[in-house]
Amino acid sequence: MSTKTLSTILLISTILLLSCNPAVKKTTKDNANLKPQTDPAWVVNQIFIAAKEGKYELLSELCDPEGKGDGDTKFLCTIQNASTKDKQEFDEYFKTGKIIGEPVIEGEEAKVEFTFGPDGNKKETMNLVRRGDRWYLESF
């Protein structure tokens, strides 16, 4: 058997193996439209998307991996495990959320001003921290 034929068989086998693996399919499908957390505004927008669309799982990866976030941000990151009542309150307050202006980045910290609340008129600042090349919620 020639080297070219063997390489072709190996390539086809690898493709078939990967396409049959449900974990690979799930990861590829779930992350197909996600941008890495390299933009603080993108991170904050995930909160609003989760509230509008009920995609609470989007928030689970947004908390500081070093565990230094405040109670509010930790609650946001675990909302998918919250009670129905807590999810409804989260939705009510964050589905109207909008970022005001541009993120202010100073070294490893960023501030993103936003509005939220049932009427969308409460003003707040989300503080984020950079770990490596990714931004995480820290406090608000």
N, C-alpha and C. Protein backbone atom coordinates (compact mmCIF):
# COMPACT_ATOMS: atom_id res chain seq x y z
N MET A 1 0.86 -1.17 0.00
CA MET A 1 0.00 0.00 0.00
C MET A 1 0.90 1.24 0.00
N SER A 2 0.57 2.20 -0.84
CA SER A 2 1.41 3.39 -0.96
C SER A 2 1.18 4.33 0.23
N THR A 3 2.11 5.23 0.42
CA THR A 3 2.03 6.21 1.50
C THR A 3 0.83 7.13 1.29
N LYS A 4 0.57 7.50 0.04
CA LYS A 4 -0.55 8.38 -0.27
C LYS A 4 -1.88 7.71 0.08
N THR A 5 -2.02 6.44 -0.25
CA THR A 5 -3.25 5.70 0.06
C THR A 5 -3.41 5.57 1.57
N LEU A 6 -2.34 5.26 2.27
CA LEU A 6 -2.39 5.11 3.72
C LEU A 6 -2.76 6.45 4.38
N SER A 7 -2.21 7.53 3.89
CA SER A 7 -2.54 8.86 4.42
C SER A 7 -4.01 9.20 4.20
N THR A 8 -4.51 8.86 3.03
CA THR A 8 -5.93 9.12 2.72
C THR A 8 -6.84 8.31 3.63
N ILE A 9 -6.52 7.05 3.84
CA ILE A 9 -7.32 6.19 4.72
C ILE A 9 -7.29 6.73 6.15
N LEU A 10 -6.13 7.14 6.62
CA LEU A 10 -5.99 7.69 7.96
C LEU A 10 -6.80 8.98 8.11
N LEU A 11 -6.78 9.84 7.12
CA LEU A 11 -7.53 11.09 7.15
C LEU A 11 -9.03 10.83 7.20
N ILE A 12 -9.50 9.94 6.35
CA ILE A 12 -10.93 9.60 6.32
C ILE A 12 -11.36 8.98 7.64
N SER A 13 -10.54 8.09 8.19
CA SER A 13 -10.86 7.45 9.48
C SER A 13 -10.96 8.48 10.59
N THR A 14 -10.06 9.43 10.61
CA THR A 14 -10.07 10.48 11.63
C THR A 14 -11.33 11.33 11.51
N ILE A 15 -11.68 11.71 10.30
CA ILE A 15 -12.89 12.51 10.08
C ILE A 15 -14.12 11.75 10.55
N LEU A 16 -14.21 10.48 10.20
CA LEU A 16 -15.36 9.67 10.62
C LEU A 16 -15.42 9.53 12.13
N LEU A 17 -14.29 9.32 12.75
CA LEU A 17 -14.24 9.18 14.20
C LEU A 17 -14.71 10.46 14.88
N LEU A 18 -14.22 11.59 14.43
CA LEU A 18 -14.61 12.86 15.03
C LEU A 18 -16.07 13.18 14.79
N SER A 19 -16.58 12.86 13.63
CA SER A 19 -17.98 13.17 13.34
C SER A 19 -18.94 12.28 14.10
N CYS A 20 -18.49 11.15 14.58
CA CYS A 20 -19.34 10.24 15.35
C CYS A 20 -19.29 10.53 16.84
N ASN A 21 -18.39 11.36 17.28
CA ASN A 21 -18.24 11.66 18.70
C ASN A 21 -19.24 12.75 19.09
N PRO A 22 -20.26 12.42 19.92
CA PRO A 22 -21.27 13.41 20.27
C PRO A 22 -20.71 14.62 21.01
N ALA A 23 -19.67 14.44 21.81
CA ALA A 23 -19.10 15.57 22.54
C ALA A 23 -18.50 16.59 21.58
N VAL A 24 -17.86 16.11 20.53
CA VAL A 24 -17.28 17.02 19.55
C VAL A 24 -18.38 17.77 18.83
N LYS A 25 -19.43 17.06 18.44
CA LYS A 25 -20.55 17.72 17.76
C LYS A 25 -21.17 18.78 18.65
N LYS A 26 -21.40 18.45 19.92
CA LYS A 26 -22.04 19.39 20.84
C LYS A 26 -21.18 20.64 21.01
N THR A 27 -19.91 20.45 21.25
CA THR A 27 -19.03 21.59 21.44
C THR A 27 -18.98 22.45 20.20
N THR A 28 -18.83 21.83 19.05
CA THR A 28 -18.77 22.59 17.81
C THR A 28 -20.06 23.36 17.58
N LYS A 29 -21.20 22.71 17.77
CA LYS A 29 -22.49 23.35 17.54
C LYS A 29 -22.72 24.48 18.55
N ASP A 30 -22.48 24.22 19.84
CA ASP A 30 -22.76 25.20 20.87
C ASP A 30 -21.85 26.41 20.79
N ASN A 31 -20.64 26.25 20.32
CA ASN A 31 -19.69 27.36 20.31
C ASN A 31 -19.52 27.99 18.93
N ALA A 32 -20.29 27.54 17.96
CA ALA A 32 -20.12 28.00 16.59
C ALA A 32 -20.24 29.51 16.46
N ASN A 33 -21.17 30.13 17.21
CA ASN A 33 -21.40 31.56 17.07
C ASN A 33 -20.84 32.38 18.22
N LEU A 34 -20.06 31.76 19.09
CA LEU A 34 -19.54 32.48 20.24
C LEU A 34 -18.18 33.10 19.94
N LYS A 35 -18.04 34.33 20.33
CA LYS A 35 -16.76 35.03 20.22
C LYS A 35 -16.02 34.81 21.54
N PRO A 36 -14.74 34.59 21.49
CA PRO A 36 -14.00 34.45 22.75
C PRO A 36 -14.18 35.69 23.62
N GLN A 37 -13.94 35.55 24.88
CA GLN A 37 -14.16 36.62 25.85
C GLN A 37 -13.04 37.67 25.80
N THR A 38 -12.68 38.11 24.61
CA THR A 38 -11.59 39.07 24.48
C THR A 38 -12.07 40.51 24.48
N ASP A 39 -13.37 40.73 24.62
CA ASP A 39 -13.95 42.06 24.61
C ASP A 39 -14.87 42.21 25.83
N PRO A 40 -14.59 43.15 26.73
CA PRO A 40 -15.43 43.32 27.92
C PRO A 40 -16.91 43.57 27.58
N ALA A 41 -17.18 44.33 26.52
CA ALA A 41 -18.57 44.61 26.14
C ALA A 41 -19.27 43.32 25.73
N TRP A 42 -18.57 42.44 25.04
CA TRP A 42 -19.15 41.15 24.64
C TRP A 42 -19.57 40.36 25.87
N VAL A 43 -18.72 40.37 26.90
CA VAL A 43 -19.02 39.63 28.13
C VAL A 43 -20.30 40.16 28.76
N VAL A 44 -20.41 41.47 28.89
CA VAL A 44 -21.60 42.08 29.51
C VAL A 44 -22.84 41.81 28.66
N ASN A 45 -22.71 41.86 27.35
CA ASN A 45 -23.85 41.58 26.48
C ASN A 45 -24.39 40.17 26.65
N GLN A 46 -23.55 39.24 27.07
CA GLN A 46 -24.02 37.86 27.29
C GLN A 46 -25.10 37.82 28.37
N ILE A 47 -25.01 38.73 29.33
CA ILE A 47 -26.01 38.80 30.40
C ILE A 47 -27.37 39.16 29.79
N PHE A 48 -27.37 40.16 28.92
CA PHE A 48 -28.63 40.61 28.31
C PHE A 48 -29.21 39.55 27.38
N ILE A 49 -28.35 38.88 26.63
CA ILE A 49 -28.81 37.81 25.73
C ILE A 49 -29.42 36.67 26.55
N ALA A 50 -28.76 36.31 27.64
CA ALA A 50 -29.28 35.23 28.49
C ALA A 50 -30.67 35.58 29.01
N ALA A 51 -30.87 36.83 29.42
CA ALA A 51 -32.17 37.26 29.95
C ALA A 51 -33.24 37.30 28.88
N LYS A 52 -32.88 37.76 27.69
CA LYS A 52 -33.86 37.87 26.60
C LYS A 52 -34.25 36.51 26.04
N GLU A 53 -33.28 35.61 25.95
CA GLU A 53 -33.51 34.34 25.25
C GLU A 53 -33.55 33.13 26.17
N GLY A 54 -33.38 33.33 27.48
CA GLY A 54 -33.40 32.20 28.40
C GLY A 54 -32.19 31.28 28.26
N LYS A 55 -31.11 31.81 27.71
CA LYS A 55 -29.89 31.02 27.51
C LYS A 55 -28.94 31.21 28.70
N TYR A 56 -29.37 30.74 29.85
CA TYR A 56 -28.64 30.96 31.09
C TYR A 56 -27.26 30.30 31.09
N GLU A 57 -27.11 29.25 30.30
CA GLU A 57 -25.83 28.54 30.24
C GLU A 57 -24.71 29.43 29.70
N LEU A 58 -25.06 30.51 28.99
CA LEU A 58 -24.05 31.44 28.47
C LEU A 58 -23.24 32.07 29.60
N LEU A 59 -23.85 32.18 30.78
CA LEU A 59 -23.22 32.92 31.86
C LEU A 59 -22.28 32.08 32.72
N SER A 60 -22.35 30.78 32.62
CA SER A 60 -21.59 29.91 33.52
C SER A 60 -20.08 30.06 33.39
N GLU A 61 -19.60 30.52 32.27
CA GLU A 61 -18.15 30.65 32.06
C GLU A 61 -17.65 32.08 32.25
N LEU A 62 -18.53 32.98 32.70
CA LEU A 62 -18.16 34.39 32.74
C LEU A 62 -17.60 34.87 34.08
N CYS A 63 -17.65 34.02 35.12
CA CYS A 63 -17.12 34.43 36.41
C CYS A 63 -15.62 34.20 36.49
N ASP A 64 -14.97 35.01 37.29
CA ASP A 64 -13.53 34.94 37.50
C ASP A 64 -13.12 33.52 37.91
N PRO A 65 -12.26 32.88 37.13
CA PRO A 65 -11.84 31.52 37.46
C PRO A 65 -11.06 31.45 38.77
N GLU A 66 -10.58 32.60 39.25
CA GLU A 66 -9.88 32.63 40.54
C GLU A 66 -10.85 32.85 41.70
N GLY A 67 -12.15 32.95 41.38
CA GLY A 67 -13.18 33.05 42.41
C GLY A 67 -13.26 34.38 43.13
N LYS A 68 -12.75 35.44 42.54
CA LYS A 68 -12.70 36.73 43.23
C LYS A 68 -13.88 37.65 42.94
N GLY A 69 -14.89 37.19 42.24
CA GLY A 69 -16.05 38.02 41.96
C GLY A 69 -16.91 38.25 43.18
N ASP A 70 -17.75 39.28 43.15
CA ASP A 70 -18.65 39.53 44.27
C ASP A 70 -19.88 38.62 44.18
N GLY A 71 -20.73 38.71 45.18
CA GLY A 71 -21.92 37.86 45.24
C GLY A 71 -22.87 38.06 44.06
N ASP A 72 -22.99 39.31 43.60
CA ASP A 72 -23.88 39.60 42.47
C ASP A 72 -23.42 38.90 41.20
N THR A 73 -22.12 39.00 40.91
CA THR A 73 -21.64 38.35 39.68
C THR A 73 -21.66 36.84 39.81
N LYS A 74 -21.38 36.33 40.99
CA LYS A 74 -21.44 34.87 41.19
C LYS A 74 -22.87 34.37 40.99
N PHE A 75 -23.86 35.17 41.43
CA PHE A 75 -25.25 34.82 41.20
C PHE A 75 -25.55 34.77 39.70
N LEU A 76 -25.08 35.77 38.96
CA LEU A 76 -25.31 35.78 37.52
C LEU A 76 -24.75 34.53 36.86
N CYS A 77 -23.56 34.14 37.28
CA CYS A 77 -22.90 32.99 36.64
C CYS A 77 -23.55 31.66 36.99
N THR A 78 -24.34 31.63 38.04
CA THR A 78 -25.00 30.38 38.44
C THR A 78 -26.52 30.44 38.24
N ILE A 79 -27.00 31.42 37.50
CA ILE A 79 -28.44 31.61 37.31
C ILE A 79 -29.11 30.37 36.70
N GLN A 80 -28.38 29.61 35.91
CA GLN A 80 -29.01 28.42 35.30
C GLN A 80 -29.45 27.42 36.36
N ASN A 81 -28.88 27.48 37.56
CA ASN A 81 -29.25 26.56 38.64
C ASN A 81 -30.23 27.19 39.62
N ALA A 82 -30.64 28.41 39.37
CA ALA A 82 -31.52 29.14 40.28
C ALA A 82 -32.97 28.68 40.16
N SER A 83 -33.78 29.12 41.11
CA SER A 83 -35.21 28.80 41.08
C SER A 83 -35.88 29.52 39.92
N THR A 84 -37.05 29.07 39.57
CA THR A 84 -37.83 29.70 38.50
C THR A 84 -38.10 31.16 38.85
N LYS A 85 -38.41 31.43 40.12
CA LYS A 85 -38.68 32.80 40.57
C LYS A 85 -37.45 33.69 40.36
N ASP A 86 -36.27 33.19 40.73
CA ASP A 86 -35.04 33.97 40.55
C ASP A 86 -34.75 34.21 39.07
N LYS A 87 -35.00 33.21 38.24
CA LYS A 87 -34.78 33.38 36.80
C LYS A 87 -35.73 34.42 36.22
N GLN A 88 -36.98 34.42 36.68
CA GLN A 88 -37.94 35.40 36.20
C GLN A 88 -37.53 36.82 36.60
N GLU A 89 -37.04 36.97 37.83
CA GLU A 89 -36.57 38.28 38.28
C GLU A 89 -35.34 38.71 37.49
N PHE A 90 -34.42 37.79 37.27
CA PHE A 90 -33.24 38.07 36.45
C PHE A 90 -33.67 38.55 35.06
N ASP A 91 -34.58 37.80 34.43
CA ASP A 91 -35.07 38.17 33.10
C ASP A 91 -35.67 39.57 33.10
N GLU A 92 -36.50 39.84 34.10
CA GLU A 92 -37.17 41.14 34.18
C GLU A 92 -36.17 42.29 34.26
N TYR A 93 -35.10 42.10 35.02
CA TYR A 93 -34.13 43.17 35.22
C TYR A 93 -33.09 43.31 34.12
N PHE A 94 -32.73 42.21 33.46
CA PHE A 94 -31.63 42.28 32.51
C PHE A 94 -32.04 42.19 31.04
N LYS A 95 -33.29 41.84 30.75
CA LYS A 95 -33.68 41.76 29.34
C LYS A 95 -33.70 43.13 28.66
N THR A 96 -33.80 44.19 29.45
CA THR A 96 -33.78 45.55 28.91
C THR A 96 -32.37 46.14 28.90
N GLY A 97 -31.39 45.37 29.31
CA GLY A 97 -30.03 45.88 29.47
C GLY A 97 -29.41 46.38 28.17
N LYS A 98 -28.66 47.48 28.31
CA LYS A 98 -27.95 48.07 27.17
C LYS A 98 -26.66 48.69 27.67
N ILE A 99 -25.62 48.52 26.89
CA ILE A 99 -24.34 49.13 27.21
C ILE A 99 -24.38 50.60 26.81
N ILE A 100 -23.79 51.44 27.67
CA ILE A 100 -23.68 52.88 27.41
C ILE A 100 -22.22 53.16 27.07
N GLY A 101 -21.97 53.65 25.89
CA GLY A 101 -20.61 54.03 25.51
C GLY A 101 -19.70 52.83 25.29
N GLU A 102 -18.41 53.10 25.44
CA GLU A 102 -17.37 52.09 25.21
C GLU A 102 -16.78 51.64 26.54
N PRO A 103 -16.30 50.39 26.60
CA PRO A 103 -15.61 49.94 27.81
C PRO A 103 -14.37 50.80 28.09
N VAL A 104 -14.08 51.01 29.35
CA VAL A 104 -12.87 51.71 29.76
C VAL A 104 -11.92 50.64 30.31
N ILE A 105 -10.81 50.45 29.62
CA ILE A 105 -9.85 49.42 30.00
C ILE A 105 -8.61 50.07 30.58
N GLU A 106 -8.24 49.62 31.78
CA GLU A 106 -7.02 50.10 32.43
C GLU A 106 -6.25 48.88 32.92
N GLY A 107 -5.24 48.49 32.17
CA GLY A 107 -4.45 47.32 32.54
C GLY A 107 -5.28 46.05 32.47
N GLU A 108 -5.40 45.39 33.61
CA GLU A 108 -6.13 44.12 33.67
C GLU A 108 -7.56 44.29 34.16
N GLU A 109 -8.03 45.52 34.22
CA GLU A 109 -9.40 45.79 34.66
C GLU A 109 -10.15 46.59 33.61
N ALA A 110 -11.46 46.39 33.56
CA ALA A 110 -12.30 47.13 32.63
C ALA A 110 -13.59 47.52 33.34
N LYS A 111 -14.17 48.61 32.88
CA LYS A 111 -15.47 49.08 33.38
C LYS A 111 -16.39 49.24 32.18
N VAL A 112 -17.60 48.70 32.32
CA VAL A 112 -18.60 48.82 31.26
C VAL A 112 -19.86 49.38 31.89
N GLU A 113 -20.25 50.58 31.48
CA GLU A 113 -21.48 51.18 31.98
C GLU A 113 -22.66 50.61 31.21
N PHE A 114 -23.76 50.39 31.93
CA PHE A 114 -24.96 49.84 31.29
C PHE A 114 -26.20 50.29 32.03
N THR A 115 -27.32 50.15 31.36
CA THR A 115 -28.62 50.37 31.99
C THR A 115 -29.34 49.03 32.05
N PHE A 116 -30.21 48.90 33.04
CA PHE A 116 -31.01 47.69 33.21
C PHE A 116 -32.19 48.01 34.09
N GLY A 117 -32.95 47.03 34.48
CA GLY A 117 -34.12 47.22 35.33
C GLY A 117 -35.39 47.02 34.53
N PRO A 118 -36.51 46.85 35.21
CA PRO A 118 -37.78 46.61 34.52
C PRO A 118 -38.09 47.67 33.45
N ASP A 119 -37.71 48.92 33.73
CA ASP A 119 -37.94 50.00 32.77
C ASP A 119 -36.68 50.36 31.98
N GLY A 120 -35.58 49.66 32.26
CA GLY A 120 -34.33 49.93 31.57
C GLY A 120 -33.70 51.26 31.93
N ASN A 121 -34.05 51.82 33.10
CA ASN A 121 -33.53 53.14 33.45
C ASN A 121 -32.56 53.15 34.63
N LYS A 122 -32.21 51.99 35.15
CA LYS A 122 -31.21 51.95 36.23
C LYS A 122 -29.83 51.92 35.60
N LYS A 123 -28.95 52.78 36.09
CA LYS A 123 -27.59 52.87 35.55
C LYS A 123 -26.64 52.15 36.51
N GLU A 124 -25.71 51.39 35.93
CA GLU A 124 -24.78 50.61 36.73
C GLU A 124 -23.47 50.48 35.97
N THR A 125 -22.41 50.10 36.66
CA THR A 125 -21.12 49.83 36.04
C THR A 125 -20.70 48.41 36.37
N MET A 126 -20.40 47.65 35.34
CA MET A 126 -19.88 46.29 35.53
C MET A 126 -18.36 46.38 35.52
N ASN A 127 -17.75 45.82 36.53
CA ASN A 127 -16.30 45.74 36.61
C ASN A 127 -15.87 44.35 36.17
N LEU A 128 -14.87 44.31 35.31
CA LEU A 128 -14.37 43.04 34.79
C LEU A 128 -12.87 42.95 35.05
N VAL A 129 -12.39 41.72 35.07
CA VAL A 129 -10.96 41.48 35.25
C VAL A 129 -10.47 40.58 34.12
N ARG A 130 -9.26 40.85 33.65
CA ARG A 130 -8.69 40.04 32.58
C ARG A 130 -7.78 38.98 33.21
N ARG A 131 -8.01 37.76 32.81
CA ARG A 131 -7.16 36.63 33.20
C ARG A 131 -6.63 36.05 31.91
N GLY A 132 -5.35 36.20 31.66
CA GLY A 132 -4.80 35.78 30.37
C GLY A 132 -5.35 36.70 29.30
N ASP A 133 -6.00 36.12 28.30
CA ASP A 133 -6.57 36.95 27.23
C ASP A 133 -8.09 37.02 27.30
N ARG A 134 -8.69 36.60 28.43
CA ARG A 134 -10.14 36.58 28.56
C ARG A 134 -10.61 37.50 29.68
N TRP A 135 -11.79 38.11 29.47
CA TRP A 135 -12.41 38.98 30.47
C TRP A 135 -13.47 38.23 31.25
N TYR A 136 -13.57 38.54 32.54
CA TYR A 136 -14.53 37.90 33.44
C TYR A 136 -15.23 38.93 34.29
N LEU A 137 -16.48 38.63 34.67
CA LEU A 137 -17.24 39.51 35.55
C LEU A 137 -16.58 39.53 36.93
N GLU A 138 -16.51 40.71 37.51
CA GLU A 138 -15.90 40.81 38.85
C GLU A 138 -16.88 41.40 39.87
N SER A 139 -17.53 42.50 39.51
CA SER A 139 -18.48 43.11 40.44
C SER A 139 -19.33 44.14 39.69
N PHE A 140 -20.48 44.45 40.35
CA PHE A 140 -21.30 45.59 39.91
C PHE A 140 -22.16 46.04 41.06
